[in-house]
Amino acid sequence: IQKLAALAKSGNPIPWVRVYKIPDWVDFSHKAHLDAGAKCENCHGQVAQRDAIYKEVETSMAACMDCHRQHNARVECNFCHDER
């Protein structure tokens, strides 16, 4: 947090490193998942205990569909994918 605070104070951009990447045609909303009761740890692992973040959980369509089914969430194609 000290490094982030120093970067914010200096005005320098934060050198983020992308860990999770989903295709542009997937409409993903953190807010919708949190509103539905999901916890950060469900998809990102125990981030509060990490010094560095790395990809801990698969983010494939199959993994997302399995999670939706386990939590009785919708699984229609256009629920997560933009129509083309």
N, C-alpha and C. Protein backbone atom coordinates (compact mmCIF):
# COMPACT_ATOMS: atom_id res chain seq x y z
N ILE A 1 0.82 -1.18 0.00
CA ILE A 1 0.00 0.00 0.00
C ILE A 1 0.86 1.25 0.00
N GLN A 2 2.02 1.16 0.64
CA GLN A 2 2.93 2.31 0.68
C GLN A 2 3.44 2.66 -0.72
N LYS A 3 3.74 1.64 -1.52
CA LYS A 3 4.17 1.89 -2.89
C LYS A 3 3.07 2.56 -3.70
N LEU A 4 1.83 2.09 -3.54
CA LEU A 4 0.70 2.70 -4.26
C LEU A 4 0.50 4.15 -3.82
N ALA A 5 0.61 4.40 -2.52
CA ALA A 5 0.44 5.75 -2.01
C ALA A 5 1.52 6.67 -2.56
N ALA A 6 2.76 6.18 -2.62
CA ALA A 6 3.86 6.99 -3.15
C ALA A 6 3.65 7.30 -4.63
N LEU A 7 3.19 6.32 -5.39
CA LEU A 7 2.92 6.55 -6.81
C LEU A 7 1.79 7.57 -7.00
N ALA A 8 0.75 7.45 -6.19
CA ALA A 8 -0.36 8.38 -6.28
C ALA A 8 0.10 9.80 -5.94
N LYS A 9 0.92 9.92 -4.93
CA LYS A 9 1.41 11.23 -4.51
C LYS A 9 2.31 11.85 -5.57
N SER A 10 3.12 11.02 -6.23
CA SER A 10 4.05 11.52 -7.24
C SER A 10 3.37 11.85 -8.57
N GLY A 11 2.18 11.31 -8.76
CA GLY A 11 1.48 11.54 -10.02
C GLY A 11 1.89 10.57 -11.12
N ASN A 12 2.80 9.67 -10.80
CA ASN A 12 3.22 8.67 -11.79
C ASN A 12 2.15 7.59 -11.92
N PRO A 13 2.00 7.05 -13.11
CA PRO A 13 0.99 5.99 -13.28
C PRO A 13 1.41 4.72 -12.55
N ILE A 14 0.43 3.96 -12.14
CA ILE A 14 0.70 2.68 -11.48
C ILE A 14 1.03 1.66 -12.56
N PRO A 15 2.18 0.97 -12.45
CA PRO A 15 2.57 0.01 -13.48
C PRO A 15 1.85 -1.34 -13.31
N TRP A 16 0.54 -1.33 -13.59
CA TRP A 16 -0.25 -2.55 -13.43
C TRP A 16 0.25 -3.63 -14.37
N VAL A 17 0.18 -4.86 -13.92
CA VAL A 17 0.46 -6.03 -14.76
C VAL A 17 -0.81 -6.84 -14.81
N ARG A 18 -1.37 -6.99 -16.02
CA ARG A 18 -2.62 -7.73 -16.16
C ARG A 18 -2.41 -9.19 -15.82
N VAL A 19 -3.27 -9.72 -14.95
CA VAL A 19 -3.20 -11.11 -14.55
C VAL A 19 -4.33 -11.89 -15.21
N TYR A 20 -5.53 -11.34 -15.19
CA TYR A 20 -6.70 -11.99 -15.79
C TYR A 20 -7.10 -11.23 -17.04
N LYS A 21 -7.36 -11.96 -18.13
CA LYS A 21 -7.80 -11.34 -19.38
C LYS A 21 -8.94 -12.17 -19.94
N ILE A 22 -10.05 -11.51 -20.23
CA ILE A 22 -11.17 -12.18 -20.87
C ILE A 22 -11.38 -11.53 -22.23
N PRO A 23 -11.96 -12.25 -23.18
CA PRO A 23 -12.18 -11.69 -24.51
C PRO A 23 -13.08 -10.46 -24.48
N ASP A 24 -12.90 -9.59 -25.46
CA ASP A 24 -13.67 -8.35 -25.53
C ASP A 24 -15.17 -8.59 -25.66
N TRP A 25 -15.56 -9.72 -26.23
CA TRP A 25 -16.99 -9.97 -26.46
C TRP A 25 -17.69 -10.54 -25.22
N VAL A 26 -16.95 -10.76 -24.16
CA VAL A 26 -17.56 -11.22 -22.91
C VAL A 26 -17.88 -10.00 -22.05
N ASP A 27 -19.13 -9.91 -21.64
CA ASP A 27 -19.58 -8.79 -20.81
C ASP A 27 -19.50 -9.24 -19.36
N PHE A 28 -18.40 -8.87 -18.69
CA PHE A 28 -18.20 -9.28 -17.31
C PHE A 28 -18.35 -8.08 -16.39
N SER A 29 -19.10 -8.22 -15.33
CA SER A 29 -19.29 -7.15 -14.36
C SER A 29 -18.94 -7.64 -12.96
N HIS A 30 -17.90 -7.05 -12.37
CA HIS A 30 -17.59 -7.37 -10.98
C HIS A 30 -18.78 -7.02 -10.09
N LYS A 31 -19.41 -5.88 -10.35
CA LYS A 31 -20.53 -5.43 -9.53
C LYS A 31 -21.66 -6.46 -9.52
N ALA A 32 -22.01 -6.98 -10.68
CA ALA A 32 -23.09 -7.97 -10.75
C ALA A 32 -22.75 -9.22 -9.93
N HIS A 33 -21.51 -9.65 -9.98
CA HIS A 33 -21.10 -10.83 -9.22
C HIS A 33 -21.10 -10.54 -7.72
N LEU A 34 -20.59 -9.38 -7.32
CA LEU A 34 -20.58 -9.03 -5.90
C LEU A 34 -22.00 -8.85 -5.38
N ASP A 35 -22.87 -8.23 -6.19
CA ASP A 35 -24.27 -8.06 -5.80
C ASP A 35 -24.97 -9.41 -5.61
N ALA A 36 -24.51 -10.42 -6.35
CA ALA A 36 -25.10 -11.76 -6.26
C ALA A 36 -24.50 -12.56 -5.11
N GLY A 37 -23.56 -11.97 -4.38
CA GLY A 37 -23.00 -12.65 -3.22
C GLY A 37 -21.64 -13.29 -3.43
N ALA A 38 -21.08 -13.16 -4.63
CA ALA A 38 -19.75 -13.72 -4.86
C ALA A 38 -18.72 -12.95 -4.04
N LYS A 39 -17.69 -13.62 -3.64
CA LYS A 39 -16.57 -13.01 -2.92
C LYS A 39 -15.36 -12.98 -3.85
N CYS A 40 -14.49 -12.01 -3.64
CA CYS A 40 -13.29 -11.89 -4.47
C CYS A 40 -12.52 -13.22 -4.53
N GLU A 41 -12.46 -13.91 -3.38
CA GLU A 41 -11.71 -15.15 -3.28
C GLU A 41 -12.25 -16.24 -4.19
N ASN A 42 -13.53 -16.18 -4.55
CA ASN A 42 -14.10 -17.21 -5.42
C ASN A 42 -13.38 -17.30 -6.75
N CYS A 43 -12.99 -16.16 -7.30
CA CYS A 43 -12.34 -16.15 -8.61
C CYS A 43 -10.85 -15.82 -8.54
N HIS A 44 -10.43 -15.13 -7.49
CA HIS A 44 -9.06 -14.65 -7.43
C HIS A 44 -8.21 -15.31 -6.36
N GLY A 45 -8.76 -16.26 -5.62
CA GLY A 45 -8.00 -16.91 -4.57
C GLY A 45 -7.88 -16.01 -3.34
N GLN A 46 -7.04 -16.39 -2.44
CA GLN A 46 -6.89 -15.68 -1.16
C GLN A 46 -5.97 -14.46 -1.33
N VAL A 47 -6.46 -13.45 -2.05
CA VAL A 47 -5.63 -12.28 -2.37
C VAL A 47 -5.20 -11.50 -1.13
N ALA A 48 -5.97 -11.54 -0.06
CA ALA A 48 -5.61 -10.79 1.15
C ALA A 48 -4.33 -11.36 1.78
N GLN A 49 -4.00 -12.61 1.51
CA GLN A 49 -2.80 -13.20 2.07
C GLN A 49 -1.62 -13.25 1.10
N ARG A 50 -1.75 -12.58 -0.04
CA ARG A 50 -0.70 -12.64 -1.07
C ARG A 50 0.14 -11.37 -1.09
N ASP A 51 1.43 -11.53 -1.34
CA ASP A 51 2.31 -10.38 -1.59
C ASP A 51 2.25 -10.00 -3.06
N ALA A 52 1.99 -10.98 -3.90
CA ALA A 52 1.85 -10.75 -5.34
C ALA A 52 0.66 -11.56 -5.82
N ILE A 53 -0.02 -11.02 -6.82
CA ILE A 53 -1.20 -11.69 -7.35
C ILE A 53 -0.80 -12.48 -8.59
N TYR A 54 -1.28 -13.67 -8.69
CA TYR A 54 -1.08 -14.49 -9.87
C TYR A 54 -2.39 -15.22 -10.15
N LYS A 55 -2.51 -15.73 -11.35
CA LYS A 55 -3.76 -16.39 -11.74
C LYS A 55 -3.88 -17.72 -11.01
N GLU A 56 -4.85 -17.79 -10.10
CA GLU A 56 -5.04 -19.00 -9.29
C GLU A 56 -6.22 -19.84 -9.76
N VAL A 57 -7.18 -19.20 -10.42
CA VAL A 57 -8.42 -19.87 -10.79
C VAL A 57 -8.61 -19.75 -12.30
N GLU A 58 -9.02 -20.85 -12.90
CA GLU A 58 -9.28 -20.86 -14.34
C GLU A 58 -10.43 -19.91 -14.68
N THR A 59 -10.28 -19.17 -15.77
CA THR A 59 -11.34 -18.25 -16.21
C THR A 59 -11.87 -18.62 -17.59
N SER A 60 -11.89 -19.90 -17.87
CA SER A 60 -12.42 -20.35 -19.16
C SER A 60 -13.94 -20.31 -19.14
N MET A 61 -14.54 -20.43 -20.30
CA MET A 61 -15.99 -20.48 -20.38
C MET A 61 -16.53 -21.67 -19.59
N ALA A 62 -15.85 -22.81 -19.67
CA ALA A 62 -16.30 -24.00 -18.94
C ALA A 62 -16.30 -23.75 -17.43
N ALA A 63 -15.25 -23.10 -16.93
CA ALA A 63 -15.17 -22.81 -15.50
C ALA A 63 -16.27 -21.85 -15.08
N CYS A 64 -16.52 -20.83 -15.89
CA CYS A 64 -17.58 -19.87 -15.58
C CYS A 64 -18.95 -20.54 -15.60
N MET A 65 -19.18 -21.39 -16.60
CA MET A 65 -20.47 -22.09 -16.70
C MET A 65 -20.66 -23.02 -15.50
N ASP A 66 -19.61 -23.72 -15.10
CA ASP A 66 -19.71 -24.60 -13.93
C ASP A 66 -20.08 -23.79 -12.69
N CYS A 67 -19.45 -22.64 -12.51
CA CYS A 67 -19.74 -21.80 -11.35
C CYS A 67 -21.17 -21.28 -11.41
N HIS A 68 -21.62 -20.85 -12.59
CA HIS A 68 -23.00 -20.37 -12.74
C HIS A 68 -23.99 -21.47 -12.38
N ARG A 69 -23.72 -22.69 -12.85
CA ARG A 69 -24.62 -23.80 -12.54
C ARG A 69 -24.63 -24.10 -11.05
N GLN A 70 -23.46 -24.07 -10.41
CA GLN A 70 -23.37 -24.35 -8.97
C GLN A 70 -24.15 -23.33 -8.15
N HIS A 71 -24.24 -22.10 -8.66
CA HIS A 71 -24.90 -21.03 -7.92
C HIS A 71 -26.25 -20.64 -8.50
N ASN A 72 -26.80 -21.51 -9.37
CA ASN A 72 -28.10 -21.28 -9.99
C ASN A 72 -28.19 -19.93 -10.68
N ALA A 73 -27.10 -19.54 -11.34
CA ALA A 73 -27.07 -18.30 -12.12
C ALA A 73 -27.41 -18.63 -13.57
N ARG A 74 -27.84 -17.63 -14.29
CA ARG A 74 -28.24 -17.84 -15.69
C ARG A 74 -27.06 -18.32 -16.52
N VAL A 75 -27.37 -19.16 -17.52
CA VAL A 75 -26.33 -19.70 -18.40
C VAL A 75 -26.64 -19.47 -19.89
N GLU A 76 -27.64 -18.65 -20.18
CA GLU A 76 -27.92 -18.36 -21.59
C GLU A 76 -26.72 -17.64 -22.21
N CYS A 77 -26.46 -17.92 -23.48
CA CYS A 77 -25.29 -17.34 -24.16
C CYS A 77 -25.24 -15.82 -24.03
N ASN A 78 -26.38 -15.17 -24.31
CA ASN A 78 -26.38 -13.70 -24.34
C ASN A 78 -26.38 -13.08 -22.94
N PHE A 79 -26.36 -13.89 -21.90
CA PHE A 79 -26.25 -13.35 -20.55
C PHE A 79 -24.83 -12.82 -20.31
N CYS A 80 -23.84 -13.48 -20.89
CA CYS A 80 -22.44 -13.08 -20.72
C CYS A 80 -21.77 -12.62 -22.01
N HIS A 81 -22.33 -13.01 -23.15
CA HIS A 81 -21.70 -12.67 -24.43
C HIS A 81 -22.52 -11.62 -25.17
N ASP A 82 -21.80 -10.65 -25.77
CA ASP A 82 -22.45 -9.67 -26.62
C ASP A 82 -22.92 -10.38 -27.88
N GLU A 83 -24.11 -10.00 -28.34
CA GLU A 83 -24.59 -10.58 -29.60
C GLU A 83 -23.83 -9.95 -30.76
N ARG A 84 -23.46 -10.75 -31.73
CA ARG A 84 -22.71 -10.24 -32.89
C ARG A 84 -23.51 -10.42 -34.14
